[in-house]
C-alpha atoms as a PDB file:
ATOM      1  CA  UNK A   1      52.504  18.442-194.617  1.00  0.00           C
ATOM      2  CA  UNK A   2      56.079  18.786-193.374  1.00  0.00           C
ATOM      3  CA  UNK A   3      58.163  15.645-193.240  1.00  0.00           C
ATOM      4  CA  UNK A   4      59.038  16.163-189.580  1.00  0.00           C
ATOM      5  CA  UNK A   5      55.352  15.591-188.865  1.00  0.00           C
ATOM      6  CA  UNK A   6      55.217  12.294-190.709  1.00  0.00           C
ATOM      7  CA  UNK A   7      55.321   9.059-188.772  1.00  0.00           C
ATOM      8  CA  UNK A   8      58.193   6.623-189.353  1.00  0.00           C
ATOM      9  CA  UNK A   9      57.158   3.804-191.590  1.00  0.00           C
ATOM     10  CA  UNK A  10      58.006   0.104-191.489  1.00  0.00           C
ATOM     11  CA  UNK A  11      60.719  -1.036-193.856  1.00  0.00           C
ATOM     12  CA  UNK A  12      59.481  -1.893-197.330  1.00  0.00           C
ATOM     13  CA  UNK A  13      59.598  -5.495-198.660  1.00  0.00           C
ATOM     14  CA  UNK A  14      62.738  -6.249-200.650  1.00  0.00           C
ATOM     15  CA  UNK A  15      60.622  -6.661-203.882  1.00  0.00           C
ATOM     16  CA  UNK A  16      58.815  -3.367-203.488  1.00  0.00           C
ATOM     17  CA  UNK A  17      59.071  -1.023-206.560  1.00  0.00           C
ATOM     18  CA  UNK A  18      61.287   1.945-205.684  1.00  0.00           C
ATOM     19  CA  UNK A  19      61.850   5.192-207.491  1.00  0.00           C
ATOM     20  CA  UNK A  20      65.132   6.898-207.042  1.00  0.00           C
ATOM     21  CA  UNK A  21      65.007  10.636-206.333  1.00  0.00           C
ATOM     22  CA  UNK A  22      67.361  13.126-207.771  1.00  0.00           C
ATOM     23  CA  UNK A  23      68.817  16.322-206.211  1.00  0.00           C
ATOM     24  CA  UNK A  24      66.450  18.282-208.480  1.00  0.00           C
ATOM     25  CA  UNK A  25      63.454  16.315-207.066  1.00  0.00           C
ATOM     26  CA  UNK A  26      64.504  17.220-203.516  1.00  0.00           C
ATOM     27  CA  UNK A  27      64.930  20.896-204.542  1.00  0.00           C
ATOM     28  CA  UNK A  28      61.364  20.800-205.907  1.00  0.00           C
ATOM     29  CA  UNK A  29      60.055  19.306-202.736  1.00  0.00           C
ATOM     30  CA  UNK A  30      61.792  22.066-200.712  1.00  0.00           C
ATOM     31  CA  UNK A  31      60.321  24.763-203.046  1.00  0.00           C
ATOM     32  CA  UNK A  32      56.835  23.169-202.640  1.00  0.00           C
ATOM     33  CA  UNK A  33      57.225  23.297-198.845  1.00  0.00           C
ATOM     34  CA  UNK A  34      56.914  19.501-198.513  1.00  0.00           C
ATOM     35  CA  UNK A  35      59.894  19.808-196.111  1.00  0.00           C
ATOM     36  CA  UNK A  36      62.007  22.668-194.992  1.00  0.00           C
ATOM     37  CA  UNK A  37      65.755  23.329-194.739  1.00  0.00           C
ATOM     38  CA  UNK A  38      65.544  22.543-191.065  1.00  0.00           C
ATOM     39  CA  UNK A  39      64.365  18.960-191.720  1.00  0.00           C
ATOM     40  CA  UNK A  40      67.961  17.595-192.043  1.00  0.00           C
ATOM     41  CA  UNK A  41      67.464  15.453-195.128  1.00  0.00           C
ATOM     42  CA  UNK A  42      70.233  14.202-197.371  1.00  0.00           C
ATOM     43  CA  UNK A  43      70.206  12.364-200.674  1.00  0.00           C
ATOM     44  CA  UNK A  44      72.123   9.094-200.725  1.00  0.00           C
ATOM     45  CA  UNK A  45      72.170   6.957-203.862  1.00  0.00           C
ATOM     46  CA  UNK A  46      68.707   8.342-204.857  1.00  0.00           C
ATOM     47  CA  UNK A  47      67.163   7.737-201.440  1.00  0.00           C
ATOM     48  CA  UNK A  48      65.971  10.494-199.126  1.00  0.00           C
ATOM     49  CA  UNK A  49      67.565   9.910-195.722  1.00  0.00           C
ATOM     50  CA  UNK A  50      66.443  11.722-192.625  1.00  0.00           C
ATOM     51  CA  UNK A  51      69.525  12.488-190.525  1.00  0.00           C
ATOM     52  CA  UNK A  52      69.622  12.184-186.732  1.00  0.00           C
ATOM     53  CA  UNK A  53      69.470  15.255-184.564  1.00  0.00           C
ATOM     54  CA  UNK A  54      72.939  16.539-183.713  1.00  0.00           C
ATOM     55  CA  UNK A  55      74.173  16.162-180.209  1.00  0.00           C
ATOM     56  CA  UNK A  56      75.703  18.938-178.130  1.00  0.00           C
ATOM     57  CA  UNK A  57      79.064  17.109-178.452  1.00  0.00           C
ATOM     58  CA  UNK A  58      78.734  17.070-182.258  1.00  0.00           C
ATOM     59  CA  UNK A  59      77.887  20.751-182.318  1.00  0.00           C
ATOM     60  CA  UNK A  60      80.867  21.598-180.052  1.00  0.00           C
ATOM     61  CA  UNK A  61      83.264  19.646-182.319  1.00  0.00           C
ATOM     62  CA  UNK A  62      81.863  21.355-185.390  1.00  0.00           C
ATOM     63  CA  UNK A  63      82.135  24.761-183.852  1.00  0.00           C
ATOM     64  CA  UNK A  64      85.810  24.119-182.800  1.00  0.00           C
ATOM     65  CA  UNK A  65      86.653  22.924-186.316  1.00  0.00           C
ATOM     66  CA  UNK A  66      85.060  25.895-187.870  1.00  0.00           C
ATOM     67  CA  UNK A  67      86.871  28.296-185.542  1.00  0.00           C
ATOM     68  CA  UNK A  68      90.229  26.597-186.252  1.00  0.00           C
ATOM     69  CA  UNK A  69      89.702  26.522-190.037  1.00  0.00           C
ATOM     70  CA  UNK A  70      88.441  30.150-190.170  1.00  0.00           C
ATOM     71  CA  UNK A  71      91.672  31.357-188.515  1.00  0.00           C
ATOM     72  CA  UNK A  72      93.971  29.310-190.679  1.00  0.00           C
ATOM     73  CA  UNK A  73      92.381  29.115-194.104  1.00  0.00           C
ATOM     74  CA  UNK A  74      94.077  30.923-197.094  1.00  0.00           C
ATOM     75  CA  UNK A  75      92.199  33.966-198.418  1.00  0.00           C
ATOM     76  CA  UNK A  76      91.368  32.136-201.676  1.00  0.00           C
ATOM     77  CA  UNK A  77      89.313  29.492-199.719  1.00  0.00           C
ATOM     78  CA  UNK A  78      85.766  29.758-198.511  1.00  0.00           C
ATOM     79  CA  UNK A  79      84.071  27.534-195.990  1.00  0.00           C
ATOM     80  CA  UNK A  80      80.556  26.082-196.038  1.00  0.00           C
ATOM     81  CA  UNK A  81      78.760  24.594-193.079  1.00  0.00           C
ATOM     82  CA  UNK A  82      76.087  21.984-193.473  1.00  0.00           C
ATOM     83  CA  UNK A  83      75.400  23.053-196.962  1.00  0.00           C
ATOM     84  CA  UNK A  84      74.251  20.534-199.577  1.00  0.00           C
ATOM     85  CA  UNK A  85      77.118  19.248-201.731  1.00  0.00           C
ATOM     86  CA  UNK A  86      75.891  17.891-205.037  1.00  0.00           C
ATOM     87  CA  UNK A  87      78.253  15.054-205.978  1.00  0.00           C
ATOM     88  CA  UNK A  88      75.934  13.534-208.546  1.00  0.00           C
ATOM     89  CA  UNK A  89      72.276  13.610-209.534  1.00  0.00           C
ATOM     90  CA  UNK A  90      71.627  10.882-206.932  1.00  0.00           C
ATOM     91  CA  UNK A  91      74.108  11.954-204.166  1.00  0.00           C
ATOM     92  CA  UNK A  92      73.824  15.207-202.233  1.00  0.00           C
ATOM     93  CA  UNK A  93      75.093  15.004-198.648  1.00  0.00           C
ATOM     94  CA  UNK A  94      75.331  17.925-196.338  1.00  0.00           C
ATOM     95  CA  UNK A  95      78.741  17.584-194.703  1.00  0.00           C
ATOM     96  CA  UNK A  96      79.546  19.454-191.461  1.00  0.00           C
ATOM     97  CA  UNK A  97      82.211  21.580-193.171  1.00  0.00           C
ATOM     98  CA  UNK A  98      83.778  21.861-196.561  1.00  0.00           C
ATOM     99  CA  UNK A  99      86.290  24.120-198.218  1.00  0.00           C
ATOM    100  CA  UNK A 100      86.043  25.381-201.791  1.00  0.00           C
ATOM    101  CA  UNK A 101      87.607  28.081-204.057  1.00  0.00           C
ATOM    102  CA  UNK A 102      86.504  31.643-203.098  1.00  0.00           C
ATOM    103  CA  UNK A 103      85.630  32.508-206.705  1.00  0.00           C
ATOM    104  CA  UNK A 104      82.861  29.914-206.817  1.00  0.00           C
ATOM    105  CA  UNK A 105      79.164  30.238-205.918  1.00  0.00           C
ATOM    106  CA  UNK A 106      78.281  27.694-203.283  1.00  0.00           C
ATOM    107  CA  UNK A 107      75.517  26.227-205.391  1.00  0.00           C
ATOM    108  CA  UNK A 108      78.064  25.525-208.230  1.00  0.00           C
ATOM    109  CA  UNK A 109      80.490  23.511-206.028  1.00  0.00           C
ATOM    110  CA  UNK A 110      80.649  19.787-206.770  1.00  0.00           C
ATOM    111  CA  UNK A 111      82.938  16.991-205.898  1.00  0.00           C
ATOM    112  CA  UNK A 112      85.717  18.117-208.334  1.00  0.00           C
ATOM    113  CA  UNK A 113      85.844  21.588-206.882  1.00  0.00           C
ATOM    114  CA  UNK A 114      85.866  20.691-203.159  1.00  0.00           C
ATOM    115  CA  UNK A 115      89.183  21.235-201.513  1.00  0.00           C
ATOM    116  CA  UNK A 116      88.472  19.471-198.219  1.00  0.00           C
ATOM    117  CA  UNK A 117      85.483  17.877-196.503  1.00  0.00           C
ATOM    118  CA  UNK A 118      84.835  17.154-192.857  1.00  0.00           C
ATOM    119  CA  UNK A 119      81.947  15.099-191.387  1.00  0.00           C
ATOM    120  CA  UNK A 120      82.100  14.985-187.626  1.00  0.00           C
ATOM    121  CA  UNK A 121      80.503  11.578-187.055  1.00  0.00           C
ATOM    122  CA  UNK A 122      78.998  10.571-183.713  1.00  0.00           C
ATOM    123  CA  UNK A 123      75.890   8.393-184.170  1.00  0.00           C
ATOM    124  CA  UNK A 124      76.249   8.343-187.953  1.00  0.00           C
ATOM    125  CA  UNK A 125      79.816   6.918-188.168  1.00  0.00           C
ATOM    126  CA  UNK A 126      78.763   3.629-189.886  1.00  0.00           C
ATOM    127  CA  UNK A 127      76.591   5.514-192.408  1.00  0.00           C
ATOM    128  CA  UNK A 128      79.188   8.237-193.127  1.00  0.00           C
ATOM    129  CA  UNK A 129      81.951   5.695-193.890  1.00  0.00           C
END
């Protein structure tokens, strides 16, 4: 069953036992088709977070940023759009844009290698800060 078909659940009690997920756990769920790449899920401190749908305004800002960066970036820099960025085993956001060295594979990029990150926040401003 895909996660986008699941109902939203009530908040858990504060004393409920929780299990933190890792980026590897999420990758396994993706490979098992529990959810798809279109489900807009991020990992934040070991918790799977369903991200809000993006507004037209958000998409327009992201498009303009990508266009501006593409024209001005040095040749040794690559750009990624909404790609997972593994910062630790428990933290894997998917920022709107990030820049990294051209010689690297996208899957190998981590926090130490990222040159610049942009998250165009609209409804997620409090979460993104």
